[in-house]
Amino acid sequence: MHTVDDDVPATPNPPAGQPASFRQPEMSSMPNPMPKVGGLGLWVRDLLVSAVASVLIITFLYQPVRVEGTSMLPRLDDRDRLFINKFV
């Protein structure tokens, strides 16, 4: 019968510069943190995130508008484009 001493490491010598208690886990025993998502799933996720960000920006921060008709301000002409700052 063979016994193992407690003070003898069970793994081979660690790489240089690392403590003797360092032991890398086996790759087969580690769970996959994120499942693989297909290319279409990533596109849908990115489109949804960008759509939500656009709606929030237009609703609460800035809104692009176009001047239609004559304006009371002489600097604004018909079909001028400008941004309205809603944050102020």
PDB file of N, CA and C in Angstrom:
ATOM      1  N   MET A   1       0.839  -1.166   0.000  1.00  0.00           N
ATOM      2  CA  MET A   1       0.000   0.000   0.000  1.00  0.00           C
ATOM      3  C   MET A   1       0.888   1.235   0.000  1.00  0.00           C
ATOM      4  N   HIS A   2       0.495   2.218  -0.829  1.00  0.00           N
ATOM      5  CA  HIS A   2       1.293   3.439  -0.976  1.00  0.00           C
ATOM      6  C   HIS A   2       0.578   4.598  -0.282  1.00  0.00           C
ATOM      7  N   THR A   3       1.313   5.363   0.510  1.00  0.00           N
ATOM      8  CA  THR A   3       0.743   6.530   1.184  1.00  0.00           C
ATOM      9  C   THR A   3       1.392   7.792   0.638  1.00  0.00           C
ATOM     10  N   VAL A   4       0.679   8.929   0.760  1.00  0.00           N
ATOM     11  CA  VAL A   4       1.181  10.214   0.275  1.00  0.00           C
ATOM     12  C   VAL A   4       1.444  11.105   1.485  1.00  0.00           C
ATOM     13  N   ASP A   5       2.628  11.704   1.523  1.00  0.00           N
ATOM     14  CA  ASP A   5       2.948  12.618   2.607  1.00  0.00           C
ATOM     15  C   ASP A   5       2.217  13.938   2.404  1.00  0.00           C
ATOM     16  N   ASP A   6       1.813  14.559   3.502  1.00  0.00           N
ATOM     17  CA  ASP A   6       1.088  15.828   3.425  1.00  0.00           C
ATOM     18  C   ASP A   6       1.964  16.971   2.949  1.00  0.00           C
ATOM     19  N   ASP A   7       3.254  16.944   3.221  1.00  0.00           N
ATOM     20  CA  ASP A   7       4.120  18.064   2.860  1.00  0.00           C
ATOM     21  C   ASP A   7       4.679  17.941   1.438  1.00  0.00           C
ATOM     22  N   VAL A   8       4.373  16.890   0.722  1.00  0.00           N
ATOM     23  CA  VAL A   8       4.840  16.722  -0.651  1.00  0.00           C
ATOM     24  C   VAL A   8       3.706  17.138  -1.588  1.00  0.00           C
ATOM     25  N   PRO A   9       3.964  18.082  -2.496  1.00  0.00           N
ATOM     26  CA  PRO A   9       2.877  18.515  -3.392  1.00  0.00           C
ATOM     27  C   PRO A   9       2.429  17.364  -4.292  1.00  0.00           C
ATOM     28  N   ALA A  10       1.121  17.314  -4.560  1.00  0.00           N
ATOM     29  CA  ALA A  10       0.551  16.245  -5.373  1.00  0.00           C
ATOM     30  C   ALA A  10       0.723  16.524  -6.857  1.00  0.00           C
ATOM     31  N   THR A  11       1.019  17.770  -7.212  1.00  0.00           N
ATOM     32  CA  THR A  11       1.181  18.133  -8.613  1.00  0.00           C
ATOM     33  C   THR A  11       2.655  18.328  -8.907  1.00  0.00           C
ATOM     34  N   PRO A  12       3.035  18.349 -10.173  1.00  0.00           N
ATOM     35  CA  PRO A  12       4.434  18.603 -10.501  1.00  0.00           C
ATOM     36  C   PRO A  12       4.843  20.002 -10.051  1.00  0.00           C
ATOM     37  N   ASN A  13       6.128  20.279 -10.135  1.00  0.00           N
ATOM     38  CA  ASN A  13       6.639  21.574  -9.696  1.00  0.00           C
ATOM     39  C   ASN A  13       5.929  22.709 -10.417  1.00  0.00           C
ATOM     40  N   PRO A  14       5.560  23.800  -9.686  1.00  0.00           N
ATOM     41  CA  PRO A  14       4.876  24.929 -10.322  1.00  0.00           C
ATOM     42  C   PRO A  14       5.845  25.698 -11.205  1.00  0.00           C
ATOM     43  N   PRO A  15       5.338  26.486 -12.153  1.00  0.00           N
ATOM     44  CA  PRO A  15       6.203  27.317 -12.985  1.00  0.00           C
ATOM     45  C   PRO A  15       7.004  28.286 -12.135  1.00  0.00           C
ATOM     46  N   ALA A  16       8.118  28.754 -12.673  1.00  0.00           N
ATOM     47  CA  ALA A  16       9.001  29.662 -11.930  1.00  0.00           C
ATOM     48  C   ALA A  16       8.253  30.928 -11.552  1.00  0.00           C
ATOM     49  N   GLY A  17       8.478  31.394 -10.336  1.00  0.00           N
ATOM     50  CA  GLY A  17       7.879  32.640  -9.873  1.00  0.00           C
ATOM     51  C   GLY A  17       6.507  32.465  -9.250  1.00  0.00           C
ATOM     52  N   GLN A  18       6.001  31.259  -9.147  1.00  0.00           N
ATOM     53  CA  GLN A  18       4.692  31.034  -8.549  1.00  0.00           C
ATOM     54  C   GLN A  18       4.869  30.190  -7.298  1.00  0.00           C
ATOM     55  N   PRO A  19       4.017  30.444  -6.284  1.00  0.00           N
ATOM     56  CA  PRO A  19       4.161  29.700  -5.037  1.00  0.00           C
ATOM     57  C   PRO A  19       3.854  28.215  -5.238  1.00  0.00           C
ATOM     58  N   ALA A  20       4.356  27.410  -4.308  1.00  0.00           N
ATOM     59  CA  ALA A  20       4.196  25.963  -4.404  1.00  0.00           C
ATOM     60  C   ALA A  20       2.732  25.561  -4.275  1.00  0.00           C
ATOM     61  N   SER A  21       1.908  26.383  -3.613  1.00  0.00           N
ATOM     62  CA  SER A  21       0.508  26.014  -3.432  1.00  0.00           C
ATOM     63  C   SER A  21      -0.330  26.327  -4.663  1.00  0.00           C
ATOM     64  N   PHE A  22       0.268  26.976  -5.666  1.00  0.00           N
ATOM     65  CA  PHE A  22      -0.466  27.320  -6.882  1.00  0.00           C
ATOM     66  C   PHE A  22      -0.752  26.063  -7.690  1.00  0.00           C
ATOM     67  N   ARG A  23      -1.998  25.919  -8.084  1.00  0.00           N
ATOM     68  CA  ARG A  23      -2.373  24.784  -8.913  1.00  0.00           C
ATOM     69  C   ARG A  23      -3.440  25.230  -9.889  1.00  0.00           C
ATOM     70  N   GLN A  24      -3.207  25.053 -11.154  1.00  0.00           N
ATOM     71  CA  GLN A  24      -4.171  25.457 -12.162  1.00  0.00           C
ATOM     72  C   GLN A  24      -5.294  24.431 -12.228  1.00  0.00           C
ATOM     73  N   PRO A  25      -6.548  24.923 -12.330  1.00  0.00           N
ATOM     74  CA  PRO A  25      -7.661  23.978 -12.437  1.00  0.00           C
ATOM     75  C   PRO A  25      -7.668  23.320 -13.812  1.00  0.00           C
ATOM     76  N   GLU A  26      -8.219  22.135 -13.843  1.00  0.00           N
ATOM     77  CA  GLU A  26      -8.315  21.434 -15.110  1.00  0.00           C
ATOM     78  C   GLU A  26      -9.405  22.087 -15.944  1.00  0.00           C
ATOM     79  N   MET A  27      -9.165  22.221 -17.238  1.00  0.00           N
ATOM     80  CA  MET A  27     -10.121  22.885 -18.117  1.00  0.00           C
ATOM     81  C   MET A  27     -11.412  22.090 -18.257  1.00  0.00           C
ATOM     82  N   SER A  28     -11.340  20.781 -18.167  1.00  0.00           N
ATOM     83  CA  SER A  28     -12.540  19.973 -18.345  1.00  0.00           C
ATOM     84  C   SER A  28     -13.486  20.098 -17.154  1.00  0.00           C
ATOM     85  N   SER A  29     -12.973  20.441 -15.979  1.00  0.00           N
ATOM     86  CA  SER A  29     -13.828  20.529 -14.800  1.00  0.00           C
ATOM     87  C   SER A  29     -14.458  21.906 -14.634  1.00  0.00           C
ATOM     88  N   MET A  30     -14.000  22.910 -15.388  1.00  0.00           N
ATOM     89  CA  MET A  30     -14.549  24.260 -15.253  1.00  0.00           C
ATOM     90  C   MET A  30     -15.813  24.393 -16.093  1.00  0.00           C
ATOM     91  N   PRO A  31     -16.893  24.969 -15.520  1.00  0.00           N
ATOM     92  CA  PRO A  31     -18.111  25.169 -16.314  1.00  0.00           C
ATOM     93  C   PRO A  31     -17.902  26.310 -17.308  1.00  0.00           C
ATOM     94  N   ASN A  32     -18.587  26.245 -18.415  1.00  0.00           N
ATOM     95  CA  ASN A  32     -18.505  27.290 -19.426  1.00  0.00           C
ATOM     96  C   ASN A  32     -19.285  28.496 -18.916  1.00  0.00           C
ATOM     97  N   PRO A  33     -18.642  29.663 -18.661  1.00  0.00           N
ATOM     98  CA  PRO A  33     -19.341  30.798 -18.073  1.00  0.00           C
ATOM     99  C   PRO A  33     -20.400  31.394 -18.990  1.00  0.00           C
ATOM    100  N   MET A  34     -20.183  31.396 -20.294  1.00  0.00           N
ATOM    101  CA  MET A  34     -21.154  31.938 -21.232  1.00  0.00           C
ATOM    102  C   MET A  34     -21.350  30.943 -22.375  1.00  0.00           C
ATOM    103  N   PRO A  35     -22.581  30.578 -22.628  1.00  0.00           N
ATOM    104  CA  PRO A  35     -22.795  29.678 -23.759  1.00  0.00           C
ATOM    105  C   PRO A  35     -22.542  30.414 -25.070  1.00  0.00           C
ATOM    106  N   LYS A  36     -22.192  29.669 -26.090  1.00  0.00           N
ATOM    107  CA  LYS A  36     -21.948  30.284 -27.387  1.00  0.00           C
ATOM    108  C   LYS A  36     -23.272  30.733 -27.984  1.00  0.00           C
ATOM    109  N   VAL A  37     -23.296  31.978 -28.434  1.00  0.00           N
ATOM    110  CA  VAL A  37     -24.490  32.539 -29.048  1.00  0.00           C
ATOM    111  C   VAL A  37     -24.184  32.708 -30.520  1.00  0.00           C
ATOM    112  N   GLY A  38     -25.122  32.344 -31.361  1.00  0.00           N
ATOM    113  CA  GLY A  38     -24.921  32.452 -32.797  1.00  0.00           C
ATOM    114  C   GLY A  38     -24.813  33.898 -33.243  1.00  0.00           C
ATOM    115  N   GLY A  39     -24.358  34.105 -34.458  1.00  0.00           N
ATOM    116  CA  GLY A  39     -24.177  35.442 -35.002  1.00  0.00           C
ATOM    117  C   GLY A  39     -25.477  36.224 -35.071  1.00  0.00           C
ATOM    118  N   LEU A  40     -26.583  35.554 -35.391  1.00  0.00           N
ATOM    119  CA  LEU A  40     -27.872  36.227 -35.476  1.00  0.00           C
ATOM    120  C   LEU A  40     -28.313  36.732 -34.105  1.00  0.00           C
ATOM    121  N   GLY A  41     -28.075  35.954 -33.073  1.00  0.00           N
ATOM    122  CA  GLY A  41     -28.437  36.380 -31.716  1.00  0.00           C
ATOM    123  C   GLY A  41     -27.684  37.623 -31.287  1.00  0.00           C
ATOM    124  N   LEU A  42     -26.410  37.715 -31.659  1.00  0.00           N
ATOM    125  CA  LEU A  42     -25.627  38.901 -31.317  1.00  0.00           C
ATOM    126  C   LEU A  42     -26.134  40.126 -32.061  1.00  0.00           C
ATOM    127  N   TRP A  43     -26.514  39.951 -33.322  1.00  0.00           N
ATOM    128  CA  TRP A  43     -27.055  41.070 -34.095  1.00  0.00           C
ATOM    129  C   TRP A  43     -28.360  41.562 -33.474  1.00  0.00           C
ATOM    130  N   VAL A  44     -29.228  40.659 -33.109  1.00  0.00           N
ATOM    131  CA  VAL A  44     -30.518  41.046 -32.513  1.00  0.00           C
ATOM    132  C   VAL A  44     -30.286  41.767 -31.198  1.00  0.00           C
ATOM    133  N   ARG A  45     -29.378  41.253 -30.369  1.00  0.00           N
ATOM    134  CA  ARG A  45     -29.082  41.907 -29.099  1.00  0.00           C
ATOM    135  C   ARG A  45     -28.542  43.316 -29.303  1.00  0.00           C
ATOM    136  N   ASP A  46     -27.603  43.471 -30.239  1.00  0.00           N
ATOM    137  CA  ASP A  46     -27.022  44.783 -30.501  1.00  0.00           C
ATOM    138  C   ASP A  46     -28.048  45.755 -31.055  1.00  0.00           C
ATOM    139  N   LEU A  47     -28.931  45.277 -31.924  1.00  0.00           N
ATOM    140  CA  LEU A  47     -29.973  46.151 -32.466  1.00  0.00           C
ATOM    141  C   LEU A  47     -30.948  46.594 -31.379  1.00  0.00           C
ATOM    142  N   LEU A  48     -31.305  45.685 -30.488  1.00  0.00           N
ATOM    143  CA  LEU A  48     -32.212  46.053 -29.395  1.00  0.00           C
ATOM    144  C   LEU A  48     -31.570  47.073 -28.450  1.00  0.00           C
ATOM    145  N   VAL A  49     -30.302  46.874 -28.112  1.00  0.00           N
ATOM    146  CA  VAL A  49     -29.613  47.812 -27.224  1.00  0.00           C
ATOM    147  C   VAL A  49     -29.519  49.191 -27.874  1.00  0.00           C
ATOM    148  N   SER A  50     -29.188  49.242 -29.162  1.00  0.00           N
ATOM    149  CA  SER A  50     -29.069  50.541 -29.836  1.00  0.00           C
ATOM    150  C   SER A  50     -30.431  51.215 -29.991  1.00  0.00           C
ATOM    151  N   ALA A  51     -31.491  50.445 -30.222  1.00  0.00           N
ATOM    152  CA  ALA A  51     -32.830  51.027 -30.327  1.00  0.00           C
ATOM    153  C   ALA A  51     -33.278  51.619 -28.993  1.00  0.00           C
ATOM    154  N   VAL A  52     -33.036  50.906 -27.914  1.00  0.00           N
ATOM    155  CA  VAL A  52     -33.406  51.418 -26.586  1.00  0.00           C
ATOM    156  C   VAL A  52     -32.601  52.679 -26.253  1.00  0.00           C
ATOM    157  N   ALA A  53     -31.302  52.673 -26.564  1.00  0.00           N
ATOM    158  CA  ALA A  53     -30.468  53.852 -26.309  1.00  0.00           C
ATOM    159  C   ALA A  53     -30.956  55.040 -27.130  1.00  0.00           C
ATOM    160  N   SER A  54     -31.331  54.824 -28.379  1.00  0.00           N
ATOM    161  CA  SER A  54     -31.828  55.911 -29.223  1.00  0.00           C
ATOM    162  C   SER A  54     -33.121  56.496 -28.675  1.00  0.00           C
ATOM    163  N   VAL A  55     -34.035  55.635 -28.258  1.00  0.00           N
ATOM    164  CA  VAL A  55     -35.311  56.117 -27.709  1.00  0.00           C
ATOM    165  C   VAL A  55     -35.074  56.933 -26.442  1.00  0.00           C
ATOM    166  N   LEU A  56     -34.193  56.461 -25.571  1.00  0.00           N
ATOM    167  CA  LEU A  56     -33.924  57.200 -24.332  1.00  0.00           C
ATOM    168  C   LEU A  56     -33.267  58.550 -24.612  1.00  0.00           C
ATOM    169  N   ILE A  57     -32.346  58.597 -25.563  1.00  0.00           N
ATOM    170  CA  ILE A  57     -31.674  59.863 -25.890  1.00  0.00           C
ATOM    171  C   ILE A  57     -32.662  60.847 -26.488  1.00  0.00           C
ATOM    172  N   ILE A  58     -33.484  60.393 -27.434  1.00  0.00           N
ATOM    173  CA  ILE A  58     -34.445  61.298 -28.085  1.00  0.00           C
ATOM    174  C   ILE A  58     -35.517  61.746 -27.099  1.00  0.00           C
ATOM    175  N   THR A  59     -35.922  60.882 -26.183  1.00  0.00           N
ATOM    176  CA  THR A  59     -36.974  61.233 -25.233  1.00  0.00           C
ATOM    177  C   THR A  59     -36.488  62.186 -24.151  1.00  0.00           C
ATOM    178  N   PHE A  60     -35.291  61.980 -23.633  1.00  0.00           N
ATOM    179  CA  PHE A  60     -34.867  62.742 -22.464  1.00  0.00           C
ATOM    180  C   PHE A  60     -33.743  63.738 -22.700  1.00  0.00           C
ATOM    181  N   LEU A  61     -32.946  63.611 -23.742  1.00  0.00           N
ATOM    182  CA  LEU A  61     -31.791  64.492 -23.894  1.00  0.00           C
ATOM    183  C   LEU A  61     -31.891  65.430 -25.093  1.00  0.00           C
ATOM    184  N   TYR A  62     -31.883  64.901 -26.292  1.00  0.00           N
ATOM    185  CA  TYR A  62     -31.845  65.720 -27.501  1.00  0.00           C
ATOM    186  C   TYR A  62     -32.859  65.195 -28.500  1.00  0.00           C
ATOM    187  N   GLN A  63     -33.410  66.108 -29.300  1.00  0.00           N
ATOM    188  CA  GLN A  63     -34.335  65.697 -30.339  1.00  0.00           C
ATOM    189  C   GLN A  63     -34.024  66.457 -31.616  1.00  0.00           C
ATOM    190  N   PRO A  64     -33.769  65.751 -32.708  1.00  0.00           N
ATOM    191  CA  PRO A  64     -33.561  66.445 -33.979  1.00  0.00           C
ATOM    192  C   PRO A  64     -34.907  66.895 -34.557  1.00  0.00           C
ATOM    193  N   VAL A  65     -34.974  68.124 -35.039  1.00  0.00           N
ATOM    194  CA  VAL A  65     -36.198  68.656 -35.653  1.00  0.00           C
ATOM    195  C   VAL A  65     -35.829  69.408 -36.928  1.00  0.00           C
ATOM    196  N   ARG A  66     -36.836  69.634 -37.758  1.00  0.00           N
ATOM    197  CA  ARG A  66     -36.649  70.416 -38.970  1.00  0.00           C
ATOM    198  C   ARG A  66     -37.654  71.555 -38.958  1.00  0.00           C
ATOM    199  N   VAL A  67     -37.177  72.753 -39.255  1.00  0.00           N
ATOM    200  CA  VAL A  67     -38.040  73.932 -39.285  1.00  0.00           C
ATOM    201  C   VAL A  67     -38.926  73.826 -40.520  1.00  0.00           C
ATOM    202  N   GLU A  68     -40.228  73.962 -40.303  1.00  0.00           N
ATOM    203  CA  GLU A  68     -41.184  73.920 -41.411  1.00  0.00           C
ATOM    204  C   GLU A  68     -41.907  75.256 -41.477  1.00  0.00           C
ATOM    205  N   GLY A  69     -41.798  75.932 -42.598  1.00  0.00           N
ATOM    206  CA  GLY A  69     -42.446  77.225 -42.772  1.00  0.00           C
ATOM    207  C   GLY A  69     -41.557  78.343 -42.266  1.00  0.00           C
ATOM    208  N   THR A  70     -42.153  79.491 -42.067  1.00  0.00           N
ATOM    209  CA  THR A  70     -41.398  80.653 -41.611  1.00  0.00           C
ATOM    210  C   THR A  70     -41.265  80.612 -40.096  1.00  0.00           C
ATOM    211  N   SER A  71     -40.207  81.220 -39.617  1.00  0.00           N
ATOM    212  CA  SER A  71     -39.934  81.234 -38.188  1.00  0.00           C
ATOM    213  C   SER A  71     -39.988  82.657 -37.684  1.00  0.00           C
ATOM    214  N   MET A  72     -40.233  82.823 -36.391  1.00  0.00           N
ATOM    215  CA  MET A  72     -40.228  84.146 -35.791  1.00  0.00           C
ATOM    216  C   MET A  72     -38.804  84.640 -35.585  1.00  0.00           C
ATOM    217  N   LEU A  73     -37.844  83.739 -35.604  1.00  0.00           N
ATOM    218  CA  LEU A  73     -36.441  84.127 -35.510  1.00  0.00           C
ATOM    219  C   LEU A  73     -35.881  84.290 -36.919  1.00  0.00           C
ATOM    220  N   PRO A  74     -35.249  85.419 -37.216  1.00  0.00           N
ATOM    221  CA  PRO A  74     -34.758  85.628 -38.579  1.00  0.00           C
ATOM    222  C   PRO A  74     -33.622  84.670 -38.971  1.00  0.00           C
ATOM    223  N   ARG A  75     -32.973  84.052 -38.011  1.00  0.00           N
ATOM    224  CA  ARG A  75     -31.860  83.146 -38.329  1.00  0.00           C
ATOM    225  C   ARG A  75     -32.331  81.776 -38.793  1.00  0.00           C
ATOM    226  N   LEU A  76     -33.560  81.410 -38.479  1.00  0.00           N
ATOM    227  CA  LEU A  76     -34.082  80.101 -38.856  1.00  0.00           C
ATOM    228  C   LEU A  76     -34.872  80.212 -40.148  1.00  0.00           C
ATOM    229  N   ASP A  77     -34.457  79.449 -41.133  1.00  0.00           N
ATOM    230  CA  ASP A  77     -35.136  79.438 -42.424  1.00  0.00           C
ATOM    231  C   ASP A  77     -35.910  78.132 -42.585  1.00  0.00           C
ATOM    232  N   ASP A  78     -36.724  78.104 -43.620  1.00  0.00           N
ATOM    233  CA  ASP A  78     -37.499  76.907 -43.912  1.00  0.00           C
ATOM    234  C   ASP A  78     -36.560  75.743 -44.229  1.00  0.00           C
ATOM    235  N   ARG A  79     -36.873  74.565 -43.724  1.00  0.00           N
ATOM    236  CA  ARG A  79     -36.114  73.326 -43.894  1.00  0.00           C
ATOM    237  C   ARG A  79     -34.757  73.335 -43.206  1.00  0.00           C
ATOM    238  N   ASP A  80     -34.510  74.196 -42.249  1.00  0.00           N
ATOM    239  CA  ASP A  80     -33.289  74.128 -41.428  1.00  0.00           C
ATOM    240  C   ASP A  80     -33.422  72.950 -40.458  1.00  0.00           C
ATOM    241  N   ARG A  81     -32.296  72.316 -40.164  1.00  0.00           N
ATOM    242  CA  ARG A  81     -32.297  71.215 -39.184  1.00  0.00           C
ATOM    243  C   ARG A  81     -31.571  71.680 -37.927  1.00  0.00           C
ATOM    244  N   LEU A  82     -32.103  71.305 -36.770  1.00  0.00           N
ATOM    245  CA  LEU A  82     -31.481  71.688 -35.505  1.00  0.00           C
ATOM    246  C   LEU A  82     -31.817  70.646 -34.450  1.00  0.00           C
ATOM    247  N   PHE A  83     -31.079  70.707 -33.353  1.00  0.00           N
ATOM    248  CA  PHE A  83     -31.314  69.820 -32.221  1.00  0.00           C
ATOM    249  C   PHE A  83     -31.896  70.619 -31.070  1.00  0.00           C
ATOM    250  N   ILE A  84     -32.915  70.060 -30.438  1.00  0.00           N
ATOM    251  CA  ILE A  84     -33.499  70.673 -29.247  1.00  0.00           C
ATOM    252  C   ILE A  84     -32.894  69.978 -28.041  1.00  0.00           C
ATOM    253  N   ASN A  85     -32.327  70.799 -27.122  1.00  0.00           N
ATOM    254  CA  ASN A  85     -31.727  70.264 -25.910  1.00  0.00           C
ATOM    255  C   ASN A  85     -32.801  70.160 -24.839  1.00  0.00           C
ATOM    256  N   LYS A  86     -33.181  68.953 -24.465  1.00  0.00           N
ATOM    257  CA  LYS A  86     -34.193  68.722 -23.445  1.00  0.00           C
ATOM    258  C   LYS A  86     -33.591  68.572 -22.054  1.00  0.00           C
ATOM    259  N   PHE A  87     -32.298  68.546 -21.968  1.00  0.00           N
ATOM    260  CA  PHE A  87     -31.611  68.307 -20.703  1.00  0.00           C
ATOM    261  C   PHE A  87     -31.608  69.543 -19.809  1.00  0.00           C
ATOM    262  N   VAL A  88     -31.716  70.713 -20.405  1.00  0.00           N
ATOM    263  CA  VAL A  88     -31.644  71.968 -19.646  1.00  0.00           C
ATOM    264  C   VAL A  88     -32.857  72.166 -18.790  1.00  0.00           C
TER     265      VAL A  88
END
